[in-house]
N, C-alpha and C. Protein backbone atom coordinates (compact mmCIF):
# COMPACT_ATOMS: atom_id res chain seq x y z
N UNK A 1 0.84 -1.19 0.00
CA UNK A 1 0.00 0.00 0.00
C UNK A 1 0.88 1.24 0.00
N UNK A 2 0.47 2.24 -0.72
CA UNK A 2 1.21 3.50 -0.82
C UNK A 2 0.95 4.33 0.43
N UNK A 3 2.00 4.61 1.21
CA UNK A 3 1.85 5.37 2.45
C UNK A 3 1.49 6.83 2.21
N UNK A 4 1.62 7.31 0.99
CA UNK A 4 1.29 8.72 0.72
C UNK A 4 -0.21 8.93 0.53
N UNK A 5 -0.96 7.85 0.48
CA UNK A 5 -2.41 7.97 0.32
C UNK A 5 -3.09 8.00 1.69
N UNK A 6 -4.13 8.79 1.81
CA UNK A 6 -4.91 8.90 3.04
C UNK A 6 -6.33 8.44 2.78
N UNK A 7 -7.07 8.17 3.84
CA UNK A 7 -8.48 7.84 3.73
C UNK A 7 -9.32 9.11 3.85
N UNK A 8 -10.36 9.19 3.04
CA UNK A 8 -11.30 10.32 3.06
C UNK A 8 -12.72 9.77 3.05
N UNK A 9 -13.56 10.37 3.86
CA UNK A 9 -14.98 10.06 3.86
C UNK A 9 -15.66 11.13 3.02
N UNK A 10 -16.44 10.72 2.03
CA UNK A 10 -17.19 11.65 1.19
C UNK A 10 -18.67 11.29 1.34
N UNK A 11 -19.46 12.20 1.89
CA UNK A 11 -20.89 11.99 2.08
C UNK A 11 -21.65 12.59 0.91
N UNK A 12 -22.53 11.78 0.33
CA UNK A 12 -23.32 12.24 -0.82
C UNK A 12 -24.79 11.92 -0.59
N UNK A 13 -25.62 12.64 -1.30
CA UNK A 13 -27.05 12.38 -1.35
C UNK A 13 -27.38 12.04 -2.79
N UNK A 14 -27.90 10.85 -3.00
CA UNK A 14 -28.29 10.43 -4.34
C UNK A 14 -29.81 10.53 -4.43
N UNK A 15 -30.32 11.27 -5.40
CA UNK A 15 -31.74 11.57 -5.48
C UNK A 15 -32.38 10.84 -6.66
N UNK A 16 -33.51 10.21 -6.38
CA UNK A 16 -34.29 9.54 -7.42
C UNK A 16 -35.70 10.09 -7.43
N UNK A 17 -36.28 10.16 -8.62
CA UNK A 17 -37.70 10.46 -8.74
C UNK A 17 -38.37 9.12 -9.01
N UNK A 18 -39.19 8.66 -8.06
CA UNK A 18 -39.95 7.43 -8.24
C UNK A 18 -41.37 7.80 -8.61
N UNK A 19 -41.93 7.09 -9.55
CA UNK A 19 -43.30 7.38 -9.99
C UNK A 19 -44.15 6.12 -9.78
N UNK A 20 -45.35 6.33 -9.23
CA UNK A 20 -46.32 5.26 -9.01
C UNK A 20 -47.62 5.64 -9.67
N UNK A 21 -48.33 4.68 -10.20
CA UNK A 21 -49.66 4.90 -10.73
C UNK A 21 -50.62 4.11 -9.85
N UNK A 22 -51.62 4.81 -9.30
CA UNK A 22 -52.56 4.20 -8.37
C UNK A 22 -53.98 4.46 -8.86
N UNK A 23 -54.75 3.42 -8.99
CA UNK A 23 -56.17 3.55 -9.32
C UNK A 23 -56.92 3.73 -8.00
N UNK A 24 -57.58 4.89 -7.82
CA UNK A 24 -58.20 5.21 -6.53
C UNK A 24 -59.40 6.12 -6.75
N UNK A 25 -60.15 6.40 -5.68
CA UNK A 25 -61.30 7.30 -5.76
C UNK A 25 -60.87 8.75 -5.87
N UNK A 26 -59.70 9.09 -5.34
CA UNK A 26 -59.24 10.47 -5.38
C UNK A 26 -57.73 10.55 -5.16
N UNK A 27 -57.18 11.74 -5.43
CA UNK A 27 -55.74 11.96 -5.32
C UNK A 27 -55.24 11.72 -3.89
N UNK A 28 -55.99 12.20 -2.89
CA UNK A 28 -55.55 12.00 -1.50
C UNK A 28 -55.41 10.52 -1.17
N UNK A 29 -56.36 9.72 -1.63
CA UNK A 29 -56.28 8.27 -1.39
C UNK A 29 -55.07 7.67 -2.11
N UNK A 30 -54.81 8.13 -3.32
CA UNK A 30 -53.66 7.62 -4.09
C UNK A 30 -52.35 7.97 -3.39
N UNK A 31 -52.25 9.21 -2.90
CA UNK A 31 -51.05 9.63 -2.18
C UNK A 31 -50.87 8.80 -0.91
N UNK A 32 -51.94 8.62 -0.15
CA UNK A 32 -51.87 7.80 1.07
C UNK A 32 -51.40 6.38 0.75
N UNK A 33 -51.91 5.84 -0.32
CA UNK A 33 -51.53 4.47 -0.71
C UNK A 33 -50.03 4.38 -0.98
N UNK A 34 -49.48 5.37 -1.67
CA UNK A 34 -48.04 5.38 -1.94
C UNK A 34 -47.25 5.52 -0.64
N UNK A 35 -47.65 6.47 0.20
CA UNK A 35 -46.92 6.71 1.46
C UNK A 35 -46.90 5.45 2.32
N UNK A 36 -48.02 4.77 2.42
CA UNK A 36 -48.10 3.60 3.30
C UNK A 36 -47.54 2.32 2.69
N UNK A 37 -47.39 2.27 1.37
CA UNK A 37 -47.03 1.00 0.74
C UNK A 37 -45.79 1.01 -0.14
N UNK A 38 -45.11 2.15 -0.32
CA UNK A 38 -44.01 2.19 -1.27
C UNK A 38 -42.88 1.22 -0.95
N UNK A 39 -42.73 0.80 0.31
CA UNK A 39 -41.66 -0.14 0.66
C UNK A 39 -42.13 -1.59 0.65
N UNK A 40 -43.39 -1.80 0.34
CA UNK A 40 -43.92 -3.16 0.20
C UNK A 40 -43.41 -3.74 -1.12
N UNK A 41 -42.76 -4.88 -1.10
CA UNK A 41 -42.21 -5.44 -2.34
C UNK A 41 -43.27 -5.75 -3.40
N UNK A 42 -44.53 -5.88 -2.99
CA UNK A 42 -45.60 -6.14 -3.96
C UNK A 42 -46.21 -4.86 -4.54
N UNK A 43 -45.83 -3.69 -3.99
CA UNK A 43 -46.34 -2.42 -4.50
C UNK A 43 -45.54 -2.04 -5.74
N UNK A 44 -46.21 -1.82 -6.86
CA UNK A 44 -45.55 -1.65 -8.14
C UNK A 44 -45.09 -0.22 -8.39
N UNK A 45 -43.84 -0.09 -8.76
CA UNK A 45 -43.29 1.20 -9.16
C UNK A 45 -43.47 1.33 -10.68
N UNK A 46 -43.96 2.48 -11.12
CA UNK A 46 -44.20 2.72 -12.54
C UNK A 46 -42.90 3.04 -13.28
N UNK A 47 -42.08 3.93 -12.68
CA UNK A 47 -40.80 4.28 -13.29
C UNK A 47 -39.91 4.94 -12.25
N UNK A 48 -38.65 5.07 -12.61
CA UNK A 48 -37.67 5.69 -11.72
C UNK A 48 -36.64 6.42 -12.57
N UNK A 49 -36.21 7.57 -12.08
CA UNK A 49 -35.19 8.33 -12.80
C UNK A 49 -34.20 8.89 -11.77
N UNK A 50 -32.92 8.67 -12.02
CA UNK A 50 -31.89 9.23 -11.14
C UNK A 50 -31.73 10.71 -11.48
N UNK A 51 -31.85 11.57 -10.47
CA UNK A 51 -31.79 13.02 -10.69
C UNK A 51 -30.41 13.60 -10.40
N UNK A 52 -29.55 12.79 -9.81
CA UNK A 52 -28.20 13.26 -9.59
C UNK A 52 -27.69 12.95 -8.20
N UNK A 53 -26.42 13.25 -8.02
CA UNK A 53 -25.74 13.03 -6.75
C UNK A 53 -25.14 14.36 -6.30
N UNK A 54 -25.41 14.72 -5.06
CA UNK A 54 -24.88 15.95 -4.50
C UNK A 54 -23.91 15.59 -3.38
N UNK A 55 -22.68 16.11 -3.45
CA UNK A 55 -21.71 15.93 -2.38
C UNK A 55 -21.99 16.99 -1.33
N UNK A 56 -22.20 16.58 -0.07
CA UNK A 56 -22.48 17.57 0.96
C UNK A 56 -21.46 17.60 2.08
N UNK A 57 -20.48 16.68 2.07
CA UNK A 57 -19.42 16.73 3.07
C UNK A 57 -18.27 15.85 2.64
N UNK A 58 -17.08 16.21 3.07
CA UNK A 58 -15.90 15.40 2.83
C UNK A 58 -14.84 15.75 3.86
N UNK A 59 -14.13 14.73 4.31
CA UNK A 59 -13.11 14.97 5.33
C UNK A 59 -12.11 13.81 5.34
N UNK A 60 -10.91 14.10 5.77
CA UNK A 60 -9.90 13.06 5.95
C UNK A 60 -10.24 12.30 7.23
N UNK A 61 -9.95 11.01 7.23
CA UNK A 61 -10.25 10.19 8.41
C UNK A 61 -9.06 9.28 8.69
N UNK A 62 -8.71 9.14 9.94
CA UNK A 62 -7.63 8.26 10.36
C UNK A 62 -8.10 6.80 10.30
N UNK A 63 -7.15 5.89 10.12
CA UNK A 63 -7.44 4.47 9.97
C UNK A 63 -8.30 3.95 11.13
N UNK A 64 -7.93 4.23 12.36
CA UNK A 64 -8.68 3.74 13.53
C UNK A 64 -10.10 4.31 13.54
N UNK A 65 -10.25 5.57 13.19
CA UNK A 65 -11.57 6.20 13.14
C UNK A 65 -12.41 5.59 12.02
N UNK A 66 -11.78 5.24 10.91
CA UNK A 66 -12.46 4.59 9.80
C UNK A 66 -13.03 3.25 10.25
N UNK A 67 -12.25 2.47 10.97
CA UNK A 67 -12.73 1.17 11.45
C UNK A 67 -13.89 1.35 12.42
N UNK A 68 -13.79 2.32 13.31
CA UNK A 68 -14.88 2.60 14.25
C UNK A 68 -16.15 3.04 13.51
N UNK A 69 -16.00 3.91 12.53
CA UNK A 69 -17.14 4.38 11.74
C UNK A 69 -17.78 3.23 10.96
N UNK A 70 -16.97 2.33 10.45
CA UNK A 70 -17.51 1.21 9.67
C UNK A 70 -18.43 0.35 10.52
N UNK A 71 -18.04 0.11 11.75
CA UNK A 71 -18.86 -0.72 12.65
C UNK A 71 -20.13 0.03 13.07
N UNK A 72 -20.01 1.35 13.25
CA UNK A 72 -21.17 2.18 13.64
C UNK A 72 -22.20 2.24 12.51
N UNK A 73 -21.72 2.41 11.28
CA UNK A 73 -22.61 2.58 10.13
C UNK A 73 -23.19 1.27 9.60
N UNK A 74 -22.51 0.15 9.86
CA UNK A 74 -22.88 -1.12 9.22
C UNK A 74 -22.97 -2.24 10.27
N UNK A 75 -24.13 -2.40 10.88
CA UNK A 75 -24.32 -3.43 11.92
C UNK A 75 -23.90 -4.82 11.46
N UNK A 76 -24.13 -5.13 10.20
CA UNK A 76 -23.92 -6.48 9.68
C UNK A 76 -22.46 -6.90 9.63
N UNK A 77 -21.52 -5.99 9.83
CA UNK A 77 -20.11 -6.35 9.69
C UNK A 77 -19.39 -6.50 11.03
N UNK A 78 -20.13 -6.65 12.10
CA UNK A 78 -19.52 -6.68 13.44
C UNK A 78 -18.48 -7.80 13.58
N UNK A 79 -18.60 -8.86 12.81
CA UNK A 79 -17.64 -9.97 12.92
C UNK A 79 -16.50 -9.88 11.89
N UNK A 80 -16.50 -8.85 11.06
CA UNK A 80 -15.45 -8.73 10.04
C UNK A 80 -14.12 -8.34 10.67
N UNK A 81 -13.05 -8.78 10.03
CA UNK A 81 -11.72 -8.34 10.43
C UNK A 81 -11.46 -6.95 9.86
N UNK A 82 -10.44 -6.28 10.38
CA UNK A 82 -10.07 -4.97 9.85
C UNK A 82 -9.74 -5.07 8.36
N UNK A 83 -9.05 -6.12 7.97
CA UNK A 83 -8.70 -6.30 6.56
C UNK A 83 -9.93 -6.45 5.68
N UNK A 84 -10.92 -7.17 6.16
CA UNK A 84 -12.17 -7.33 5.39
C UNK A 84 -12.89 -6.00 5.24
N UNK A 85 -12.90 -5.20 6.29
CA UNK A 85 -13.53 -3.89 6.22
C UNK A 85 -12.86 -3.06 5.13
N UNK A 86 -11.55 -2.99 5.16
CA UNK A 86 -10.81 -2.19 4.18
C UNK A 86 -11.02 -2.72 2.77
N UNK A 87 -10.94 -4.02 2.61
CA UNK A 87 -11.07 -4.63 1.27
C UNK A 87 -12.47 -4.47 0.69
N UNK A 88 -13.49 -4.65 1.54
CA UNK A 88 -14.86 -4.67 1.05
C UNK A 88 -15.55 -3.30 1.01
N UNK A 89 -15.08 -2.35 1.81
CA UNK A 89 -15.84 -1.11 1.96
C UNK A 89 -15.09 0.16 1.54
N UNK A 90 -13.84 0.04 1.12
CA UNK A 90 -13.11 1.24 0.74
C UNK A 90 -12.63 1.14 -0.70
N UNK A 91 -12.35 2.27 -1.29
CA UNK A 91 -11.87 2.37 -2.67
C UNK A 91 -10.52 3.05 -2.67
N UNK A 92 -9.68 2.70 -3.63
CA UNK A 92 -8.36 3.31 -3.76
C UNK A 92 -8.20 3.80 -5.20
N UNK A 93 -7.77 5.02 -5.36
CA UNK A 93 -7.49 5.55 -6.70
C UNK A 93 -6.18 4.97 -7.19
N UNK A 94 -6.20 4.44 -8.41
CA UNK A 94 -4.99 3.94 -9.06
C UNK A 94 -4.42 5.08 -9.90
N UNK A 95 -3.43 5.75 -9.37
CA UNK A 95 -2.85 6.92 -10.03
C UNK A 95 -1.95 6.55 -11.20
N UNK A 96 -1.73 5.26 -11.41
CA UNK A 96 -0.87 4.83 -12.53
C UNK A 96 -1.59 4.92 -13.87
N UNK A 97 -2.91 4.85 -13.85
CA UNK A 97 -3.68 4.86 -15.12
C UNK A 97 -3.86 6.23 -15.67
């Protein structure tokens, strides 16, 4: 590993426009149906469009803090080794290309 490289956390918001078509008695009922059911796997999405990604924060992070953050943000990795965290959850820029 190149010691001149540092770890950085970059926080982004990725925005999608999801569209649903609901047959209902009125618009309020259709809206309620979407609000209450959009996460139901049987509720049908009509279309989706990615509207973009906005970067809203970025900062350098130390290795130990990165490992702590990984466990805080991702409950499912509590049994992972430090090497697995780095290999599976971080990216490295290849400056040779």
